[in-house]
Amino acid sequence: MIGEDLLALAEERYLESFAVVFLVGALQGGMLARGVRRRFPSLRSHARAASAIMLILLLANATLSALRFAAPERVDLAGLSMPSTPDELAGIAARVLGIDGGFWSTVAILITVTLMLISRAAELPAIARYFVLAISVMTFLVALAARFAGYVPTEFHVAMYSLYHVGIAAGAFLVMRRGPPRTGLE
């Protein structure tokens, strides 16, 4: 199968694979940070604080996402029954969405929603928006496969997933931390 051959090739050439995944994440993070800076020009005067906050948010998201990806809580669709009360419906929705996992699950969802709102507010050119959307959808589909299908990520897959998220954090930090433009009048 093509997917298995591609994963086997990626594992054989792991250094190149890690570099590509990290750079794709860094590119995505840089695009988002540039869009945020364009949308909120006043952040230029607070670049270091804004970049530190983004770095903390993105690294927390990377850590929590990697932990959830490494050991996904499986959802057995055969075990779900038709709800008869609104409480049962809410319970099924919480289980399917993964928000019934306790404190860290709630923190991960809060950070993810915050990052989604930030990326929604970012002023991105059309091509950058499609790139960010396409990569995000692919990552989401891989995470869904781990949750609903029989997909079990290996250490290599978890490392790739983690490097992608760390790349996003690094790219956003590097682009966001640039201070106000120097005018030469100081």
Foldseek 3Di string as FASTA:
>chain_A
DVVVVVVVVCVVVVVVLLVVLLQLLLLLLLQLLQQLCVLPVVLQAVLQVVLVVLLVLLLLLLVLVLVCQQPPAADEPVPDDDDDDVVSVVVVVCVLVVVVPPDSSVVNVVSVVVVVVSSVSGHGDPVSVVSSVVVVVVLVVSSNCSHYPPDRDDPSRSSSSSSSSNSSSVNNSVNSNNHDDDPPPD
